[in-house]
Each structure stands twice: as C-alpha cells, then as structure tokens.
C-alpha cells in the first residue's frame, strides 16, 4: 500500500509542476520581469523549486 501512496504523491507533484511551469512560461515577459521579478524563461527552475523544494 505504501508504494501506491508514494506513486500517487509523485504523480500529483508532477502534475503540479507541469501546471506551474506552463503558467509561468505563458506570462508576458514584460509583466513577469517588471511586475513579478521573474524571468519566464526560467519557468522550469522556478516550478521545480516551488513543487519539489
């Protein structure tokens, strides 16, 4: 049963990572850089840190 829980957790985190990465990458560069201080080209790195720590 622990393996099932572990797999479910991993799949949920992967889905969250994908949603976060897509949302960050979809931001207009002007908005992301000027207002949020983020670079949308770093979406993978930012999403990985946000989801996986």
PDB file of N, CA and C in Angstrom:
ATOM      1  N   UNK A   1       0.812  -1.189   0.000  1.00  0.00           N
ATOM      2  CA  UNK A   1       0.000   0.000   0.000  1.00  0.00           C
ATOM      3  C   UNK A   1       0.861   1.262   0.000  1.00  0.00           C
ATOM      4  N   UNK A   2       2.016   1.204   0.625  1.00  0.00           N
ATOM      5  CA  UNK A   2       2.895   2.370   0.677  1.00  0.00           C
ATOM      6  C   UNK A   2       3.394   2.751  -0.714  1.00  0.00           C
ATOM      7  N   UNK A   3       3.620   1.748  -1.551  1.00  0.00           N
ATOM      8  CA  UNK A   3       4.084   2.029  -2.910  1.00  0.00           C
ATOM      9  C   UNK A   3       3.011   2.784  -3.692  1.00  0.00           C
ATOM     10  N   UNK A   4       1.757   2.414  -3.488  1.00  0.00           N
ATOM     11  CA  UNK A   4       0.648   3.093  -4.167  1.00  0.00           C
ATOM     12  C   UNK A   4       0.569   4.554  -3.721  1.00  0.00           C
ATOM     13  N   UNK A   5       0.710   4.800  -2.445  1.00  0.00           N
ATOM     14  CA  UNK A   5       0.658   6.158  -1.912  1.00  0.00           C
ATOM     15  C   UNK A   5       1.821   6.981  -2.447  1.00  0.00           C
ATOM     16  N   UNK A   6       2.986   6.375  -2.486  1.00  0.00           N
ATOM     17  CA  UNK A   6       4.175   7.055  -2.992  1.00  0.00           C
ATOM     18  C   UNK A   6       4.009   7.418  -4.474  1.00  0.00           C
ATOM     19  N   UNK A   7       3.468   6.498  -5.251  1.00  0.00           N
ATOM     20  CA  UNK A   7       3.233   6.754  -6.666  1.00  0.00           C
ATOM     21  C   UNK A   7       2.215   7.862  -6.860  1.00  0.00           C
ATOM     22  N   UNK A   8       1.136   7.825  -6.090  1.00  0.00           N
ATOM     23  CA  UNK A   8       0.111   8.862  -6.186  1.00  0.00           C
ATOM     24  C   UNK A   8       0.669  10.233  -5.844  1.00  0.00           C
ATOM     25  N   UNK A   9       1.498  10.305  -4.828  1.00  0.00           N
ATOM     26  CA  UNK A   9       2.122  11.564  -4.432  1.00  0.00           C
ATOM     27  C   UNK A   9       3.047  12.073  -5.536  1.00  0.00           C
ATOM     28  N   UNK A  10       3.827  11.187  -6.114  1.00  0.00           N
ATOM     29  CA  UNK A  10       4.743  11.574  -7.186  1.00  0.00           C
ATOM     30  C   UNK A  10       3.977  12.086  -8.403  1.00  0.00           C
ATOM     31  N   UNK A  11       2.890  11.429  -8.750  1.00  0.00           N
ATOM     32  CA  UNK A  11       2.084  11.866  -9.894  1.00  0.00           C
ATOM     33  C   UNK A  11       1.419  13.215  -9.630  1.00  0.00           C
ATOM     34  N   UNK A  12       0.973  13.427  -8.420  1.00  0.00           N
ATOM     35  CA  UNK A  12       0.350  14.702  -8.067  1.00  0.00           C
ATOM     36  C   UNK A  12       1.359  15.839  -8.129  1.00  0.00           C
ATOM     37  N   UNK A  13       2.566  15.575  -7.636  1.00  0.00           N
ATOM     38  CA  UNK A  13       3.614  16.595  -7.693  1.00  0.00           C
ATOM     39  C   UNK A  13       4.007  16.901  -9.134  1.00  0.00           C
ATOM     40  N   UNK A  14       4.074  15.873  -9.957  1.00  0.00           N
ATOM     41  CA  UNK A  14       4.428  16.087 -11.363  1.00  0.00           C
ATOM     42  C   UNK A  14       3.367  16.928 -12.069  1.00  0.00           C
ATOM     43  N   UNK A  15       2.102  16.664 -11.764  1.00  0.00           N
ATOM     44  CA  UNK A  15       1.016  17.443 -12.361  1.00  0.00           C
ATOM     45  C   UNK A  15       1.088  18.898 -11.901  1.00  0.00           C
ATOM     46  N   UNK A  16       1.377  19.107 -10.628  1.00  0.00           N
ATOM     47  CA  UNK A  16       1.502  20.459 -10.102  1.00  0.00           C
ATOM     48  C   UNK A  16       2.688  21.170 -10.744  1.00  0.00           C
ATOM     49  N   UNK A  17       3.791  20.478 -10.910  1.00  0.00           N
ATOM     50  CA  UNK A  17       4.975  21.040 -11.559  1.00  0.00           C
ATOM     51  C   UNK A  17       4.643  21.476 -12.982  1.00  0.00           C
ATOM     52  N   UNK A  18       3.941  20.621 -13.727  1.00  0.00           N
ATOM     53  CA  UNK A  18       3.601  20.922 -15.114  1.00  0.00           C
ATOM     54  C   UNK A  18       2.689  22.147 -15.194  1.00  0.00           C
ATOM     55  N   UNK A  19       1.684  22.211 -14.327  1.00  0.00           N
ATOM     56  CA  UNK A  19       0.777  23.367 -14.326  1.00  0.00           C
ATOM     57  C   UNK A  19       1.529  24.651 -13.995  1.00  0.00           C
ATOM     58  N   UNK A  20       2.401  24.582 -13.005  1.00  0.00           N
ATOM     59  CA  UNK A  20       3.164  25.766 -12.591  1.00  0.00           C
ATOM     60  C   UNK A  20       4.098  26.222 -13.701  1.00  0.00           C
ATOM     61  N   UNK A  21       4.797  25.283 -14.318  1.00  0.00           N
ATOM     62  CA  UNK A  21       5.736  25.620 -15.397  1.00  0.00           C
ATOM     63  C   UNK A  21       5.010  26.261 -16.568  1.00  0.00           C
ATOM     64  N   UNK A  22       3.882  25.692 -16.954  1.00  0.00           N
ATOM     65  CA  UNK A  22       3.111  26.257 -18.077  1.00  0.00           C
ATOM     66  C   UNK A  22       2.581  27.648 -17.758  1.00  0.00           C
ATOM     67  N   UNK A  23       2.112  27.848 -16.536  1.00  0.00           N
ATOM     68  CA  UNK A  23       1.586  29.157 -16.159  1.00  0.00           C
ATOM     69  C   UNK A  23       2.687  30.211 -16.177  1.00  0.00           C
ATOM     70  N   UNK A  24       3.857  29.869 -15.662  1.00  0.00           N
ATOM     71  CA  UNK A  24       4.969  30.821 -15.662  1.00  0.00           C
ATOM     72  C   UNK A  24       5.462  31.111 -17.075  1.00  0.00           C
ATOM     73  N   UNK A  25       5.540  30.084 -17.892  1.00  0.00           N
ATOM     74  CA  UNK A  25       6.023  30.271 -19.262  1.00  0.00           C
ATOM     75  C   UNK A  25       5.038  31.081 -20.100  1.00  0.00           C
ATOM     76  N   UNK A  26       3.764  31.052 -19.745  1.00  0.00           N
ATOM     77  CA  UNK A  26       2.745  31.761 -20.504  1.00  0.00           C
ATOM     78  C   UNK A  26       2.665  33.248 -20.166  1.00  0.00           C
ATOM     79  N   UNK A  27       3.321  33.659 -19.082  1.00  0.00           N
ATOM     80  CA  UNK A  27       3.286  35.071 -18.707  1.00  0.00           C
ATOM     81  C   UNK A  27       3.982  35.924 -19.760  1.00  0.00           C
ATOM     82  N   UNK A  28       3.421  37.082 -20.055  1.00  0.00           N
ATOM     83  CA  UNK A  28       4.132  38.000 -20.956  1.00  0.00           C
ATOM     84  C   UNK A  28       5.454  38.413 -20.294  1.00  0.00           C
ATOM     85  N   UNK A  29       6.542  38.407 -21.032  1.00  0.00           N
ATOM     86  CA  UNK A  29       7.847  38.731 -20.430  1.00  0.00           C
ATOM     87  C   UNK A  29       7.869  40.075 -19.704  1.00  0.00           C
ATOM     88  N   UNK A  30       7.182  41.076 -20.244  1.00  0.00           N
ATOM     89  CA  UNK A  30       7.182  42.391 -19.608  1.00  0.00           C
ATOM     90  C   UNK A  30       6.541  42.328 -18.221  1.00  0.00           C
ATOM     91  N   UNK A  31       5.425  41.637 -18.114  1.00  0.00           N
ATOM     92  CA  UNK A  31       4.728  41.503 -16.837  1.00  0.00           C
ATOM     93  C   UNK A  31       5.573  40.707 -15.848  1.00  0.00           C
ATOM     94  N   UNK A  32       6.099  39.604 -16.295  1.00  0.00           N
ATOM     95  CA  UNK A  32       6.858  38.724 -15.405  1.00  0.00           C
ATOM     96  C   UNK A  32       8.109  39.410 -14.872  1.00  0.00           C
ATOM     97  N   UNK A  33       8.823  40.078 -15.736  1.00  0.00           N
ATOM     98  CA  UNK A  33      10.095  40.681 -15.332  1.00  0.00           C
ATOM     99  C   UNK A  33       9.877  41.951 -14.513  1.00  0.00           C
ATOM    100  N   UNK A  34       9.035  42.848 -15.007  1.00  0.00           N
ATOM    101  CA  UNK A  34       8.870  44.142 -14.343  1.00  0.00           C
ATOM    102  C   UNK A  34       8.028  44.052 -13.081  1.00  0.00           C
ATOM    103  N   UNK A  35       6.901  43.372 -13.143  1.00  0.00           N
ATOM    104  CA  UNK A  35       5.980  43.362 -12.011  1.00  0.00           C
ATOM    105  C   UNK A  35       6.293  42.268 -10.993  1.00  0.00           C
ATOM    106  N   UNK A  36       6.652  41.098 -11.466  1.00  0.00           N
ATOM    107  CA  UNK A  36       6.842  39.965 -10.560  1.00  0.00           C
ATOM    108  C   UNK A  36       8.308  39.672 -10.255  1.00  0.00           C
ATOM    109  N   UNK A  37       9.198  40.205 -11.048  1.00  0.00           N
ATOM    110  CA  UNK A  37      10.619  39.949 -10.844  1.00  0.00           C
ATOM    111  C   UNK A  37      11.035  38.542 -11.249  1.00  0.00           C
ATOM    112  N   UNK A  38      10.257  37.937 -12.138  1.00  0.00           N
ATOM    113  CA  UNK A  38      10.546  36.574 -12.612  1.00  0.00           C
ATOM    114  C   UNK A  38      10.944  36.609 -14.074  1.00  0.00           C
ATOM    115  N   UNK A  39      11.747  35.665 -14.460  1.00  0.00           N
ATOM    116  CA  UNK A  39      12.072  35.505 -15.863  1.00  0.00           C
ATOM    117  C   UNK A  39      11.310  34.283 -16.362  1.00  0.00           C
ATOM    118  N   UNK A  40      10.366  34.453 -17.293  1.00  0.00           N
ATOM    119  CA  UNK A  40       9.569  33.309 -17.746  1.00  0.00           C
ATOM    120  C   UNK A  40      10.416  32.232 -18.424  1.00  0.00           C
ATOM    121  N   UNK A  41      11.609  32.567 -18.837  1.00  0.00           N
ATOM    122  CA  UNK A  41      12.481  31.583 -19.457  1.00  0.00           C
ATOM    123  C   UNK A  41      13.080  30.630 -18.413  1.00  0.00           C
ATOM    124  N   UNK A  42      12.988  31.009 -17.152  1.00  0.00           N
ATOM    125  CA  UNK A  42      13.435  30.157 -16.047  1.00  0.00           C
ATOM    126  C   UNK A  42      12.276  29.394 -15.431  1.00  0.00           C
ATOM    127  N   UNK A  43      11.202  29.210 -16.172  1.00  0.00           N
ATOM    128  CA  UNK A  43       9.982  28.582 -15.646  1.00  0.00           C
ATOM    129  C   UNK A  43      10.262  27.183 -15.098  1.00  0.00           C
ATOM    130  N   UNK A  44      11.103  26.419 -15.754  1.00  0.00           N
ATOM    131  CA  UNK A  44      11.392  25.057 -15.291  1.00  0.00           C
ATOM    132  C   UNK A  44      12.043  25.077 -13.907  1.00  0.00           C
ATOM    133  N   UNK A  45      13.025  25.926 -13.750  1.00  0.00           N
ATOM    134  CA  UNK A  45      13.743  26.012 -12.480  1.00  0.00           C
ATOM    135  C   UNK A  45      12.838  26.517 -11.356  1.00  0.00           C
ATOM    136  N   UNK A  46      12.076  27.554 -11.646  1.00  0.00           N
ATOM    137  CA  UNK A  46      11.185  28.129 -10.642  1.00  0.00           C
ATOM    138  C   UNK A  46      10.118  27.115 -10.237  1.00  0.00           C
ATOM    139  N   UNK A  47       9.530  26.441 -11.206  1.00  0.00           N
ATOM    140  CA  UNK A  47       8.489  25.449 -10.914  1.00  0.00           C
ATOM    141  C   UNK A  47       9.064  24.276 -10.126  1.00  0.00           C
ATOM    142  N   UNK A  48      10.261  23.840 -10.473  1.00  0.00           N
ATOM    143  CA  UNK A  48      10.873  22.713  -9.748  1.00  0.00           C
ATOM    144  C   UNK A  48      11.103  23.083  -8.288  1.00  0.00           C
ATOM    145  N   UNK A  49      11.615  24.283  -8.040  1.00  0.00           N
ATOM    146  CA  UNK A  49      11.841  24.714  -6.658  1.00  0.00           C
ATOM    147  C   UNK A  49      10.521  24.868  -5.905  1.00  0.00           C
ATOM    148  N   UNK A  50       9.491  25.369  -6.574  1.00  0.00           N
ATOM    149  CA  UNK A  50       8.202  25.589  -5.916  1.00  0.00           C
ATOM    150  C   UNK A  50       7.540  24.274  -5.521  1.00  0.00           C
ATOM    151  N   UNK A  51       7.662  23.245  -6.355  1.00  0.00           N
ATOM    152  CA  UNK A  51       6.970  21.989  -6.100  1.00  0.00           C
ATOM    153  C   UNK A  51       7.810  21.022  -5.297  1.00  0.00           C
ATOM    154  N   UNK A  52       9.054  20.840  -5.679  1.00  0.00           N
ATOM    155  CA  UNK A  52       9.898  19.814  -5.060  1.00  0.00           C
ATOM    156  C   UNK A  52      10.793  20.339  -3.944  1.00  0.00           C
ATOM    157  N   UNK A  53      10.867  21.636  -3.836  1.00  0.00           N
ATOM    158  CA  UNK A  53      11.681  22.211  -2.756  1.00  0.00           C
ATOM    159  C   UNK A  53      13.084  22.525  -3.134  1.00  0.00           C
TER     160      UNK A  53
END
